[in-house]
Amino acid sequence: MTPAFDSADQIQRWALQEIMKSGRASAPRREATRELLFVAFELTNPRNRCVTIPERRWSLPLAVGEFCWHAAASDKVDFISYYAKRWSDFSDDGVSIAGSCYGHKIFSAQADGESQWSAVTNLLRTDPESRRAILTFQNVGGPYLSGRDVACATSLQFLVRAGALHAVVNMRSNDAVWGLPYDLFVFTMLQELMAATLGLNLGSYHHVAASLHIYERHFRLAERVIQAQETGSRPMPPMSDVSQLSSFLACEEQLRLGLGRGLEHGLAPYWASMAQILVEHRDTISSR
């Protein structure tokens, strides 16, 4: 039976505990890890997507920034490295990210002029109970396998049942420390964006990882998180006014590039609160 959790905090602690207790040694690309194979779990409340365990030092600005990067259909490394400099290490050409640019792959127009996101949205409008509503992240072709960044997620599937939109993400590889908590955030945000776009209730989120692992350099951090006290995380408010997403993304760009101030004041409350997180991040960077 697939374990179910109410919060990202519970998932983070459980995943680290299970790997440290039962994981086996593995060293892909000569990097020592401890891993579990074929792991699946459910997040029953996808809005409870923020990790609040202090020892983990999870970054909400980075999570929101990554969501913006994906929602803007960007693959540019200077965009995402503004929120986390380590992203620069995953670019082959210093300009773009080839693998993990999930938003670029699903929101950009394909050869037929339609994006994957638009095609899936239209499919679910005409056939709500379809089993074909799948967004694909994996690149095709041999050379990408030797690049600095290969997509860890392979697909995101939506299923509508009883008026609720559920999501299933499949991962070929999942770092339980750095990757998993941010994956939960961005994929549940995309799930909620689709649900709100279609006017549906938000269902549960399901996550399947072929390899869920911890790098040896993170073992001590994992133990600290496992032993940390419960914090009592709270879910984010329901997403609303999805028509303002483009305005929110324009605000993010202005903040990131330092081109203006105050654009967040014209946004609806949901997006204004998200923008405020980015305002505070900009102010923190500016004060260093």
Protein backbone atom coordinates (compact mmCIF):
# COMPACT_ATOMS: atom_id res chain seq x y z
CA MET A 1 0.00 0.00 0.00
CA THR A 2 1.34 3.43 -0.98
CA PRO A 3 2.10 5.59 2.08
CA ALA A 4 0.11 8.83 2.27
CA PHE A 5 1.14 12.07 3.93
CA ASP A 6 -0.53 15.38 4.70
CA SER A 7 2.50 17.63 4.24
CA ALA A 8 5.84 18.05 2.49
CA ASP A 9 7.47 18.12 5.94
CA GLN A 10 6.22 14.60 6.63
CA ILE A 11 7.40 13.39 3.24
CA GLN A 12 10.86 14.95 3.65
CA ARG A 13 11.42 13.34 7.05
CA TRP A 14 10.00 9.96 5.97
CA ALA A 15 12.05 9.81 2.76
CA LEU A 16 15.33 10.58 4.53
CA GLN A 17 14.57 8.16 7.36
CA GLU A 18 13.72 5.31 4.99
CA ILE A 19 16.83 5.82 2.88
CA MET A 20 19.18 6.09 5.87
CA LYS A 21 17.61 2.99 7.42
CA SER A 22 17.14 0.73 4.41
CA GLY A 23 18.95 2.31 1.45
CA ARG A 24 21.73 0.46 -0.34
CA ALA A 25 25.03 1.89 -1.55
CA SER A 26 25.23 3.00 -5.15
CA ALA A 27 27.70 5.22 -7.02
CA PRO A 28 26.44 6.44 -10.42
CA ARG A 29 29.05 8.67 -12.06
CA ARG A 30 31.35 7.66 -9.17
CA GLU A 31 29.35 9.70 -6.64
CA ALA A 32 28.58 7.73 -3.49
CA THR A 33 24.91 7.58 -2.55
CA ARG A 34 22.48 5.53 -0.51
CA GLU A 35 19.32 4.74 -2.44
CA LEU A 36 15.93 3.06 -2.47
CA LEU A 37 14.48 1.76 -5.70
CA PHE A 38 10.85 1.97 -6.88
CA VAL A 39 9.49 4.37 -4.26
CA ALA A 40 5.95 5.76 -4.37
CA PHE A 41 3.95 8.00 -2.03
CA GLU A 42 0.91 10.28 -1.95
CA LEU A 43 0.54 13.87 -0.76
CA THR A 44 -3.11 14.13 0.21
CA ASN A 45 -3.05 17.93 0.57
CA PRO A 46 -0.95 19.32 -2.30
CA ARG A 47 -1.21 22.88 -0.93
CA ASN A 48 0.80 21.76 2.10
CA ARG A 49 3.82 21.88 -0.16
CA CYS A 50 6.32 23.96 1.85
CA VAL A 51 9.08 22.36 3.93
CA THR A 52 9.32 24.16 7.28
CA ILE A 53 11.79 21.95 9.17
CA PRO A 54 14.43 24.52 10.24
CA GLU A 55 17.34 22.06 9.98
CA ARG A 56 16.56 21.53 6.29
CA ARG A 57 16.88 25.28 5.53
CA TRP A 58 14.50 24.97 2.59
CA SER A 59 14.17 28.21 0.62
CA LEU A 60 10.69 29.50 -0.22
CA PRO A 61 12.10 32.23 -2.54
CA LEU A 62 13.97 29.55 -4.50
CA ALA A 63 10.82 27.41 -4.72
CA VAL A 64 8.74 30.36 -5.97
CA GLY A 65 11.55 31.43 -8.29
CA GLU A 66 11.74 27.95 -9.80
CA PHE A 67 7.99 27.97 -10.33
CA CYS A 68 8.33 31.31 -12.14
CA TRP A 69 11.15 29.93 -14.30
CA HIS A 70 9.00 26.99 -15.35
CA ALA A 71 5.77 28.98 -15.78
CA ALA A 72 7.61 31.48 -17.98
CA ALA A 73 8.70 28.61 -20.27
CA SER A 74 12.33 29.58 -19.76
CA ASP A 75 15.45 27.48 -20.13
CA LYS A 76 17.85 30.36 -19.42
CA VAL A 77 20.47 29.71 -16.76
CA ASP A 78 20.83 33.38 -15.77
CA PHE A 79 17.12 33.39 -14.81
CA ILE A 80 17.23 30.40 -12.49
CA SER A 81 20.73 31.04 -11.13
CA TYR A 82 19.45 34.36 -9.75
CA TYR A 83 17.64 32.21 -7.17
CA ALA A 84 20.30 29.49 -6.79
CA LYS A 85 23.81 29.99 -8.17
CA ARG A 86 24.47 26.26 -8.22
CA TRP A 87 22.21 26.01 -11.30
CA SER A 88 25.10 27.49 -13.32
CA ASP A 89 26.97 24.22 -12.82
CA PHE A 90 24.32 22.35 -14.81
CA SER A 91 24.57 24.33 -18.03
CA ASP A 92 26.58 22.92 -20.94
CA ASP A 93 26.92 26.24 -22.76
CA GLY A 94 26.58 28.80 -19.97
CA VAL A 95 23.33 30.02 -21.51
CA SER A 96 20.65 27.39 -21.06
CA ILE A 97 19.60 24.32 -19.07
CA ALA A 98 18.99 21.34 -21.34
CA GLY A 99 17.25 18.81 -19.11
CA SER A 100 15.40 20.15 -16.09
CA CYS A 101 13.71 23.05 -17.91
CA TYR A 102 10.31 21.41 -17.50
CA GLY A 103 8.33 24.58 -18.12
CA HIS A 104 10.22 25.28 -21.34
CA LYS A 105 9.23 21.83 -22.57
CA ILE A 106 5.54 21.99 -21.67
CA PHE A 107 4.66 25.66 -22.19
CA SER A 108 6.62 26.32 -25.41
CA ALA A 109 4.89 25.80 -28.75
CA GLN A 110 5.67 22.47 -30.41
CA ALA A 111 6.07 21.80 -34.14
CA ASP A 112 2.30 22.02 -34.66
CA GLY A 113 2.17 25.42 -32.97
CA GLU A 114 0.49 24.15 -29.78
CA SER A 115 2.17 23.63 -26.41
CA GLN A 116 1.90 20.41 -24.45
CA TRP A 117 0.13 22.37 -21.69
CA SER A 118 -2.46 23.77 -24.08
CA ALA A 119 -3.06 20.38 -25.69
CA VAL A 120 -3.61 18.68 -22.33
CA THR A 121 -5.87 21.51 -21.13
CA ASN A 122 -8.03 21.21 -24.25
CA LEU A 123 -8.11 17.42 -23.92
CA LEU A 124 -9.39 17.56 -20.35
CA ARG A 125 -12.02 20.11 -21.32
CA THR A 126 -13.42 17.84 -24.01
CA ASP A 127 -12.79 14.48 -22.31
CA PRO A 128 -12.47 15.07 -18.56
CA GLU A 129 -11.89 11.41 -17.69
CA SER A 130 -9.15 10.89 -20.28
CA ARG A 131 -6.11 8.82 -19.38
CA ARG A 132 -4.03 10.59 -22.04
CA ALA A 133 -3.38 13.89 -20.24
CA ILE A 134 0.38 13.45 -19.98
CA LEU A 135 3.13 16.08 -20.09
CA THR A 136 6.51 14.68 -21.17
CA PHE A 137 9.83 16.05 -19.88
CA GLN A 138 12.40 13.62 -21.22
CA ASN A 139 14.60 14.66 -24.13
CA VAL A 140 14.94 12.34 -27.11
CA GLY A 141 18.27 11.32 -28.62
CA GLY A 142 21.65 10.05 -27.44
CA PRO A 143 23.82 13.16 -26.83
CA TYR A 144 21.70 14.52 -24.00
CA LEU A 145 22.59 11.53 -21.81
CA SER A 146 26.14 12.79 -21.45
CA GLY A 147 25.21 16.39 -20.69
CA ARG A 148 25.58 18.15 -17.35
CA ASP A 149 21.85 18.09 -16.76
CA VAL A 150 19.46 15.28 -17.65
CA ALA A 151 15.80 15.66 -16.72
CA CYS A 152 15.11 13.85 -13.45
CA ALA A 153 11.35 13.89 -14.03
CA THR A 154 10.03 11.99 -17.02
CA SER A 155 6.32 12.84 -16.98
CA LEU A 156 3.43 14.55 -15.22
CA GLN A 157 0.00 13.02 -15.72
CA PHE A 158 -3.36 14.51 -14.76
CA LEU A 159 -6.44 12.44 -13.98
CA VAL A 160 -9.87 13.95 -13.32
CA ARG A 161 -12.18 11.87 -11.19
CA ALA A 162 -15.30 12.93 -9.26
CA GLY A 163 -14.65 16.59 -10.02
CA ALA A 164 -11.08 16.61 -8.67
CA LEU A 165 -7.82 16.83 -10.58
CA HIS A 166 -5.16 14.37 -9.41
CA ALA A 167 -1.53 14.34 -10.49
CA VAL A 168 1.07 11.61 -10.95
CA VAL A 169 4.76 12.43 -11.43
CA ASN A 170 7.29 9.84 -12.56
CA MET A 171 10.97 10.37 -11.77
CA ARG A 172 13.90 8.43 -13.19
CA SER A 173 16.07 9.84 -10.39
CA ASN A 174 15.30 11.87 -7.27
CA ASP A 175 17.73 13.44 -4.80
CA ALA A 176 15.79 13.30 -1.52
CA VAL A 177 17.67 16.25 -0.01
CA TRP A 178 18.02 18.91 -2.71
CA GLY A 179 15.59 17.72 -5.37
CA LEU A 180 12.53 16.18 -3.73
CA PRO A 181 11.24 19.14 -1.64
CA TYR A 182 11.47 21.54 -4.60
CA ASP A 183 9.96 18.98 -6.98
CA LEU A 184 6.97 18.63 -4.65
CA PHE A 185 6.50 22.40 -4.68
CA VAL A 186 6.69 23.00 -8.40
CA PHE A 187 4.71 19.94 -9.51
CA THR A 188 1.88 20.55 -7.04
CA MET A 189 1.83 24.20 -8.16
CA LEU A 190 1.43 23.01 -11.76
CA GLN A 191 -1.26 20.60 -10.60
CA GLU A 192 -3.14 23.40 -8.87
CA LEU A 193 -2.67 25.71 -11.86
CA MET A 194 -4.31 23.12 -14.11
CA ALA A 195 -7.13 22.49 -11.60
CA ALA A 196 -7.83 26.21 -11.26
CA THR A 197 -7.70 26.71 -15.04
CA LEU A 198 -10.29 23.97 -15.52
CA GLY A 199 -12.41 25.02 -12.53
CA LEU A 200 -11.87 21.71 -10.73
CA ASN A 201 -11.21 20.78 -7.13
CA LEU A 202 -7.62 19.96 -6.22
CA GLY A 203 -7.13 16.22 -5.83
CA SER A 204 -4.19 14.31 -4.41
CA TYR A 205 -0.61 14.27 -5.65
CA HIS A 206 1.24 10.99 -6.37
CA HIS A 207 5.01 10.69 -6.74
CA VAL A 208 6.91 7.71 -8.16
CA ALA A 209 10.72 7.57 -8.15
CA ALA A 210 12.78 4.80 -9.73
CA SER A 211 15.72 5.86 -7.57
CA LEU A 212 15.24 7.93 -4.42
CA HIS A 213 18.65 8.67 -2.96
CA ILE A 214 20.88 10.76 -0.70
CA TYR A 215 24.44 11.72 -1.61
CA GLU A 216 27.05 10.79 0.97
CA ARG A 217 27.90 14.47 1.54
CA HIS A 218 24.35 15.00 2.82
CA PHE A 219 24.20 12.10 5.32
CA ARG A 220 24.77 14.33 8.35
CA LEU A 221 22.17 16.84 7.16
CA ALA A 222 19.72 13.99 6.65
CA GLU A 223 20.24 12.79 10.22
CA ARG A 224 19.65 16.31 11.59
CA VAL A 225 16.40 16.61 9.65
CA ILE A 226 15.23 13.18 10.82
CA GLN A 227 15.85 14.10 14.45
CA ALA A 228 14.31 17.59 14.20
CA GLN A 229 11.16 18.52 16.08
CA GLU A 230 7.80 18.79 14.32
CA THR A 231 7.05 22.35 13.20
CA GLY A 232 3.35 22.30 12.33
CA SER A 233 3.39 23.33 8.69
CA ARG A 234 0.40 25.11 7.14
CA PRO A 235 -0.97 24.78 3.60
CA MET A 236 -0.82 27.63 1.13
CA PRO A 237 -4.14 29.35 0.32
CA PRO A 238 -6.11 28.15 -2.72
CA MET A 239 -4.80 29.47 -6.02
CA SER A 240 -7.11 32.07 -7.56
CA ASP A 241 -7.20 34.62 -10.39
CA VAL A 242 -5.10 32.42 -12.67
CA SER A 243 -5.59 34.98 -15.46
CA GLN A 244 -3.06 37.11 -13.55
CA LEU A 245 -0.24 34.59 -13.89
CA SER A 246 1.28 36.51 -16.80
CA SER A 247 1.16 39.75 -14.77
CA PHE A 248 2.82 38.00 -11.85
CA LEU A 249 5.57 36.69 -14.14
CA ALA A 250 6.08 40.20 -15.53
CA CYS A 251 6.45 41.45 -11.96
CA GLU A 252 8.99 38.71 -11.22
CA GLU A 253 11.04 39.72 -14.26
CA GLN A 254 11.07 43.36 -13.21
CA LEU A 255 12.20 42.43 -9.70
CA ARG A 256 14.88 40.03 -10.93
CA LEU A 257 16.32 42.49 -13.43
CA GLY A 258 16.04 45.47 -11.09
CA LEU A 259 13.94 47.43 -13.58
CA GLY A 260 11.14 48.61 -11.35
CA ARG A 261 9.33 48.54 -8.06
CA GLY A 262 5.73 48.35 -6.93
CA LEU A 263 4.27 46.18 -9.70
CA GLU A 264 3.16 43.69 -7.05
CA HIS A 265 0.62 46.21 -5.73
CA GLY A 266 -1.59 45.75 -8.79
CA LEU A 267 -1.90 42.01 -8.37
CA ALA A 268 -4.74 40.02 -6.82
CA PRO A 269 -4.03 38.88 -3.22
CA TYR A 270 -2.79 35.38 -4.10
CA TRP A 271 -0.23 36.58 -6.63
CA ALA A 272 0.65 39.68 -4.60
CA SER A 273 1.62 37.46 -1.67
CA MET A 274 3.81 35.37 -3.99
CA ALA A 275 5.39 38.55 -5.37
CA GLN A 276 6.10 39.79 -1.86
CA ILE A 277 8.26 36.71 -1.29
CA LEU A 278 10.31 37.75 -4.32
CA VAL A 279 10.46 41.37 -3.16
CA GLU A 280 11.93 40.25 0.15
CA HIS A 281 14.41 38.03 -1.70
CA ARG A 282 15.52 40.97 -3.87
CA ASP A 283 15.93 43.17 -0.79
CA THR A 284 17.99 40.48 0.93
CA ILE A 285 20.30 40.20 -2.07
CA SER A 286 20.61 43.98 -2.33
CA SER A 287 21.61 44.30 1.33
CA ARG A 288 24.51 41.86 1.09
